[in-house]
PDB file of N, CA and C in Angstrom:
ATOM      1  N   MET A   1      46.655  -3.096  25.628  1.00  0.00           N
ATOM      2  CA  MET A   1      46.660  -1.722  25.021  1.00  0.00           C
ATOM      3  C   MET A   1      48.087  -1.201  24.768  1.00  0.00           C
ATOM      4  N   PRO A   2      48.992  -1.115  25.723  1.00  0.00           N
ATOM      5  CA  PRO A   2      50.342  -0.693  25.521  1.00  0.00           C
ATOM      6  C   PRO A   2      51.150  -1.211  24.566  1.00  0.00           C
ATOM      7  N   THR A   3      50.817  -2.758  24.056  1.00  0.00           N
ATOM      8  CA  THR A   3      51.661  -3.438  23.416  1.00  0.00           C
ATOM      9  C   THR A   3      51.266  -2.982  21.851  1.00  0.00           C
ATOM     10  N   MET A   4      49.714  -2.470  21.765  1.00  0.00           N
ATOM     11  CA  MET A   4      49.606  -1.998  20.482  1.00  0.00           C
ATOM     12  C   MET A   4      49.937  -0.753  20.193  1.00  0.00           C
ATOM     13  N   LYS A   5      50.012  -0.028  21.140  1.00  0.00           N
ATOM     14  CA  LYS A   5      50.773   1.534  20.896  1.00  0.00           C
ATOM     15  C   LYS A   5      52.016   1.301  20.685  1.00  0.00           C
ATOM     16  N   ILE A   6      52.794   0.510  21.320  1.00  0.00           N
ATOM     17  CA  ILE A   6      54.132   0.342  21.122  1.00  0.00           C
ATOM     18  C   ILE A   6      54.585  -0.081  19.606  1.00  0.00           C
ATOM     19  N   ASN A   7      53.470  -1.045  19.130  1.00  0.00           N
ATOM     20  CA  ASN A   7      53.707  -1.462  17.592  1.00  0.00           C
ATOM     21  C   ASN A   7      53.362  -0.449  16.670  1.00  0.00           C
ATOM     22  N   ASN A   8      52.379   0.457  16.945  1.00  0.00           N
ATOM     23  CA  ASN A   8      52.008   1.424  16.049  1.00  0.00           C
ATOM     24  C   ASN A   8      53.165   2.301  15.999  1.00  0.00           C
ATOM     25  N   ILE A   9      53.651   2.558  17.189  1.00  0.00           N
ATOM     26  CA  ILE A   9      54.875   3.635  16.919  1.00  0.00           C
ATOM     27  C   ILE A   9      55.967   3.160  16.140  1.00  0.00           C
ATOM     28  N   LYS A  10      56.390   1.760  16.162  1.00  0.00           N
ATOM     29  CA  LYS A  10      57.033   1.414  15.429  1.00  0.00           C
ATOM     30  C   LYS A  10      57.082   1.289  14.031  1.00  0.00           C
ATOM     31  N   LYS A  11      55.877   0.888  13.889  1.00  0.00           N
ATOM     32  CA  LYS A  11      55.370   1.055  12.420  1.00  0.00           C
ATOM     33  C   LYS A  11      55.539   2.588  11.692  1.00  0.00           C
ATOM     34  N   ILE A  12      55.060   3.413  12.498  1.00  0.00           N
ATOM     35  CA  ILE A  12      55.186   4.701  12.226  1.00  0.00           C
ATOM     36  C   ILE A  12      56.803   5.386  11.857  1.00  0.00           C
ATOM     37  N   ILE A  13      57.500   4.601  12.913  1.00  0.00           N
ATOM     38  CA  ILE A  13      58.850   5.018  12.847  1.00  0.00           C
ATOM     39  C   ILE A  13      59.550   4.319  11.284  1.00  0.00           C
ATOM     40  N   ASN A  14      59.115   3.114  11.130  1.00  0.00           N
ATOM     41  CA  ASN A  14      59.565   2.412   9.958  1.00  0.00           C
ATOM     42  C   ASN A  14      59.128   3.200   8.669  1.00  0.00           C
ATOM     43  N   THR A  15      57.790   3.706   8.952  1.00  0.00           N
ATOM     44  CA  THR A  15      57.394   4.228   7.641  1.00  0.00           C
ATOM     45  C   THR A  15      58.264   5.374   7.547  1.00  0.00           C
ATOM     46  N   ILE A  16      58.265   6.427   8.398  1.00  0.00           N
ATOM     47  CA  ILE A  16      59.423   7.480   8.364  1.00  0.00           C
ATOM     48  C   ILE A  16      60.778   7.373   7.696  1.00  0.00           C
ATOM     49  N   LYS A  17      61.259   5.999   7.988  1.00  0.00           N
ATOM     50  CA  LYS A  17      62.489   5.756   7.670  1.00  0.00           C
ATOM     51  C   LYS A  17      62.305   5.236   6.225  1.00  0.00           C
ATOM     52  N   ILE A  18      61.373   4.707   5.627  1.00  0.00           N
ATOM     53  CA  ILE A  18      61.283   4.438   3.999  1.00  0.00           C
ATOM     54  C   ILE A  18      61.266   5.907   3.565  1.00  0.00           C
ATOM     55  N   ILE A  19      60.257   6.850   3.880  1.00  0.00           N
ATOM     56  CA  ILE A  19      60.087   7.761   3.345  1.00  0.00           C
ATOM     57  C   ILE A  19      61.166   8.634   2.916  1.00  0.00           C
ATOM     58  N   ASN A  20      62.073   8.718   4.423  1.00  0.00           N
ATOM     59  CA  ASN A  20      62.920   9.447   4.197  1.00  0.00           C
ATOM     60  C   ASN A  20      64.073   8.571   3.136  1.00  0.00           C
ATOM     61  N   SER A  21      64.043   7.497   3.039  1.00  0.00           N
ATOM     62  CA  SER A  21      65.307   6.926   2.115  1.00  0.00           C
ATOM     63  C   SER A  21      64.942   6.966   1.052  1.00  0.00           C
ATOM     64  N   ILE A  22      63.496   7.265   0.497  1.00  0.00           N
ATOM     65  CA  ILE A  22      63.203   7.237  -0.649  1.00  0.00           C
ATOM     66  C   ILE A  22      63.402   8.660  -1.162  1.00  0.00           C
ATOM     67  N   LYS A  23      63.305   9.547  -0.177  1.00  0.00           N
ATOM     68  CA  LYS A  23      63.600  11.224  -0.282  1.00  0.00           C
ATOM     69  C   LYS A  23      64.859  11.506  -0.951  1.00  0.00           C
ATOM     70  N   THR A  24      65.975  10.474  -0.148  1.00  0.00           N
ATOM     71  CA  THR A  24      67.468  10.685  -0.227  1.00  0.00           C
ATOM     72  C   THR A  24      67.689   9.793  -1.540  1.00  0.00           C
ATOM     73  N   ILE A  25      66.905   8.981  -1.937  1.00  0.00           N
ATOM     74  CA  ILE A  25      67.258   8.453  -3.565  1.00  0.00           C
ATOM     75  C   ILE A  25      66.948   9.416  -4.466  1.00  0.00           C
ATOM     76  N   SER A  26      65.673   9.804  -4.308  1.00  0.00           N
ATOM     77  CA  SER A  26      65.413  10.906  -5.173  1.00  0.00           C
ATOM     78  C   SER A  26      66.346  12.197  -5.446  1.00  0.00           C
ATOM     79  N   SER A  27      66.571  12.470  -4.217  1.00  0.00           N
ATOM     80  CA  SER A  27      67.697  13.812  -4.408  1.00  0.00           C
ATOM     81  C   SER A  27      69.174  13.291  -5.081  1.00  0.00           C
ATOM     82  N   ILE A  28      69.502  12.111  -4.851  1.00  0.00           N
ATOM     83  CA  ILE A  28      70.485  11.439  -5.491  1.00  0.00           C
ATOM     84  C   ILE A  28      70.194  11.466  -7.097  1.00  0.00           C
ATOM     85  N   LYS A  29      68.938  11.068  -7.541  1.00  0.00           N
ATOM     86  CA  LYS A  29      68.699  11.068  -8.658  1.00  0.00           C
ATOM     87  C   LYS A  29      68.570  12.185  -9.521  1.00  0.00           C
ATOM     88  N   THR A  30      68.277  13.225  -8.678  1.00  0.00           N
ATOM     89  CA  THR A  30      68.214  14.575  -9.099  1.00  0.00           C
ATOM     90  C   THR A  30      69.847  15.009  -9.494  1.00  0.00           C
ATOM     91  N   ILE A  31      70.514  14.788  -8.411  1.00  0.00           N
ATOM     92  CA  ILE A  31      71.722  15.281  -8.523  1.00  0.00           C
ATOM     93  C   ILE A  31      72.305  14.585  -9.854  1.00  0.00           C
ATOM     94  N   SER A  32      72.200  13.394  -9.925  1.00  0.00           N
ATOM     95  CA  SER A  32      72.714  12.476 -10.878  1.00  0.00           C
ATOM     96  C   SER A  32      72.280  13.219 -12.507  1.00  0.00           C
ATOM     97  N   SER A  33      71.027  13.305 -12.638  1.00  0.00           N
ATOM     98  CA  SER A  33      70.575  14.019 -13.964  1.00  0.00           C
ATOM     99  C   SER A  33      70.842  15.384 -14.066  1.00  0.00           C
ATOM    100  N   ILE A  34      71.416  16.167 -13.022  1.00  0.00           N
ATOM    101  CA  ILE A  34      72.033  17.454 -13.109  1.00  0.00           C
ATOM    102  C   ILE A  34      73.493  17.266 -13.480  1.00  0.00           C
ATOM    103  N   LYS A  35      74.193  16.098 -12.963  1.00  0.00           N
ATOM    104  CA  LYS A  35      75.504  16.031 -13.353  1.00  0.00           C
ATOM    105  C   LYS A  35      75.467  15.603 -14.973  1.00  0.00           C
ATOM    106  N   ILE A  36      74.371  14.631 -15.315  1.00  0.00           N
ATOM    107  CA  ILE A  36      74.368  14.206 -16.780  1.00  0.00           C
ATOM    108  C   ILE A  36      74.147  15.529 -17.361  1.00  0.00           C
ATOM    109  N   ILE A  37      73.104  16.552 -17.074  1.00  0.00           N
ATOM    110  CA  ILE A  37      72.654  17.574 -17.945  1.00  0.00           C
ATOM    111  C   ILE A  37      74.344  18.487 -18.140  1.00  0.00           C
ATOM    112  N   ASN A  38      74.978  18.810 -17.083  1.00  0.00           N
ATOM    113  CA  ASN A  38      76.044  19.639 -16.885  1.00  0.00           C
ATOM    114  C   ASN A  38      76.958  18.864 -18.057  1.00  0.00           C
ATOM    115  N   THR A  39      77.243  17.425 -18.030  1.00  0.00           N
ATOM    116  CA  THR A  39      78.125  16.756 -18.829  1.00  0.00           C
ATOM    117  C   THR A  39      77.997  17.428 -20.488  1.00  0.00           C
ATOM    118  N   ILE A  40      76.324  17.017 -20.795  1.00  0.00           N
ATOM    119  CA  ILE A  40      76.041  17.523 -21.739  1.00  0.00           C
ATOM    120  C   ILE A  40      76.414  18.722 -22.309  1.00  0.00           C
ATOM    121  N   LYS A  41      75.984  19.987 -21.431  1.00  0.00           N
ATOM    122  CA  LYS A  41      76.405  20.961 -21.613  1.00  0.00           C
ATOM    123  C   LYS A  41      77.696  21.420 -22.107  1.00  0.00           C
ATOM    124  N   THR A  42      78.580  20.628 -21.091  1.00  0.00           N
ATOM    125  CA  THR A  42      80.107  20.793 -21.548  1.00  0.00           C
ATOM    126  C   THR A  42      80.526  20.160 -22.692  1.00  0.00           C
ATOM    127  N   ILE A  43      79.821  18.972 -23.194  1.00  0.00           N
ATOM    128  CA  ILE A  43      80.286  18.329 -24.531  1.00  0.00           C
ATOM    129  C   ILE A  43      79.669  19.576 -25.653  1.00  0.00           C
ATOM    130  N   ASN A  44      78.693  19.896 -25.421  1.00  0.00           N
ATOM    131  CA  ASN A  44      78.074  20.674 -26.538  1.00  0.00           C
ATOM    132  C   ASN A  44      78.891  22.033 -26.402  1.00  0.00           C
ATOM    133  N   THR A  45      79.388  22.716 -25.397  1.00  0.00           N
ATOM    134  CA  THR A  45      80.425  23.677 -25.505  1.00  0.00           C
ATOM    135  C   THR A  45      81.629  23.401 -26.173  1.00  0.00           C
ATOM    136  N   ILE A  46      82.057  22.315 -25.862  1.00  0.00           N
ATOM    137  CA  ILE A  46      83.501  21.843 -26.454  1.00  0.00           C
ATOM    138  C   ILE A  46      83.187  21.639 -27.882  1.00  0.00           C
ATOM    139  N   LYS A  47      82.028  21.154 -28.593  1.00  0.00           N
ATOM    140  CA  LYS A  47      81.633  20.986 -29.974  1.00  0.00           C
ATOM    141  C   LYS A  47      81.780  22.281 -30.473  1.00  0.00           C
ATOM    142  N   THR A  48      81.210  23.464 -29.856  1.00  0.00           N
ATOM    143  CA  THR A  48      80.905  24.746 -30.300  1.00  0.00           C
ATOM    144  C   THR A  48      82.514  25.359 -30.504  1.00  0.00           C
ATOM    145  N   ILE A  49      82.957  25.359 -29.567  1.00  0.00           N
ATOM    146  CA  ILE A  49      84.531  25.829 -29.581  1.00  0.00           C
ATOM    147  C   ILE A  49      85.061  25.071 -30.919  1.00  0.00           C
ATOM    148  N   ASN A  50      85.140  23.562 -31.012  1.00  0.00           N
ATOM    149  CA  ASN A  50      85.887  23.136 -32.136  1.00  0.00           C
ATOM    150  C   ASN A  50      85.258  23.423 -33.402  1.00  0.00           C
ATOM    151  N   PHE A  51      84.036  23.632 -33.547  1.00  0.00           N
ATOM    152  CA  PHE A  51      83.460  24.298 -34.693  1.00  0.00           C
ATOM    153  C   PHE A  51      84.038  25.716 -34.821  1.00  0.00           C
ATOM    154  N   ILE A  52      84.004  26.595 -34.314  1.00  0.00           N
ATOM    155  CA  ILE A  52      84.658  28.091 -34.313  1.00  0.00           C
ATOM    156  C   ILE A  52      85.860  27.843 -34.684  1.00  0.00           C
ATOM    157  N   LYS A  53      86.872  26.997 -34.134  1.00  0.00           N
ATOM    158  CA  LYS A  53      88.059  26.817 -34.386  1.00  0.00           C
ATOM    159  C   LYS A  53      88.206  26.276 -36.005  1.00  0.00           C
ATOM    160  N   THR A  54      87.384  25.507 -36.344  1.00  0.00           N
ATOM    161  CA  THR A  54      87.247  24.885 -37.538  1.00  0.00           C
ATOM    162  C   THR A  54      87.226  26.011 -38.825  1.00  0.00           C
ATOM    163  N   ILE A  55      85.831  26.910 -38.155  1.00  0.00           N
ATOM    164  CA  ILE A  55      85.464  27.897 -39.382  1.00  0.00           C
ATOM    165  C   ILE A  55      86.698  28.614 -39.339  1.00  0.00           C
ATOM    166  N   ASN A  56      87.234  29.172 -38.187  1.00  0.00           N
ATOM    167  CA  ASN A  56      88.430  29.975 -38.212  1.00  0.00           C
ATOM    168  C   ASN A  56      89.577  29.683 -39.194  1.00  0.00           C
ATOM    169  N   SER A  57      89.834  28.201 -38.936  1.00  0.00           N
ATOM    170  CA  SER A  57      90.677  27.785 -39.973  1.00  0.00           C
ATOM    171  C   SER A  57      90.399  27.960 -41.381  1.00  0.00           C
ATOM    172  N   ILE A  58      89.422  27.723 -41.854  1.00  0.00           N
ATOM    173  CA  ILE A  58      88.993  27.733 -42.913  1.00  0.00           C
ATOM    174  C   ILE A  58      89.049  29.002 -43.232  1.00  0.00           C
ATOM    175  N   LYS A  59      88.652  30.245 -42.441  1.00  0.00           N
ATOM    176  CA  LYS A  59      88.809  31.572 -42.943  1.00  0.00           C
ATOM    177  C   LYS A  59      90.128  31.583 -43.166  1.00  0.00           C
ATOM    178  N   ILE A  60      91.067  31.270 -42.398  1.00  0.00           N
ATOM    179  CA  ILE A  60      92.533  31.585 -42.307  1.00  0.00           C
ATOM    180  C   ILE A  60      93.024  30.744 -43.936  1.00  0.00           C
ATOM    181  N   ILE A  61      92.517  29.718 -44.201  1.00  0.00           N
ATOM    182  CA  ILE A  61      92.867  29.096 -45.561  1.00  0.00           C
ATOM    183  C   ILE A  61      92.342  29.896 -46.602  1.00  0.00           C
ATOM    184  N   ASN A  62      91.160  30.371 -46.717  1.00  0.00           N
ATOM    185  CA  ASN A  62      90.624  31.101 -47.504  1.00  0.00           C
ATOM    186  C   ASN A  62      91.303  32.516 -48.056  1.00  0.00           C
ATOM    187  N   HIS A  63      91.859  33.081 -46.687  1.00  0.00           N
ATOM    188  CA  HIS A  63      92.617  34.269 -46.698  1.00  0.00           C
ATOM    189  C   HIS A  63      93.693  34.190 -47.263  1.00  0.00           C
ATOM    190  N   ILE A  64      94.535  33.035 -47.167  1.00  0.00           N
ATOM    191  CA  ILE A  64      95.799  32.744 -47.978  1.00  0.00           C
ATOM    192  C   ILE A  64      95.195  32.673 -49.142  1.00  0.00           C
TER     193      ILE A  64
END
């Protein structure tokens, strides 16, 4: 009996370890996708800024 209990406790501990590592992997994935989203946002902002600059240049040229 004591041996079975010890084995069961080991199994439970191992399961908890696996679950924890899966949670960590999941949170790393989430962080990564947030970073990707932020990068895309930055790229889009840069594109917008460049677009506005272009429009302003065109306006200046037209004004002249």
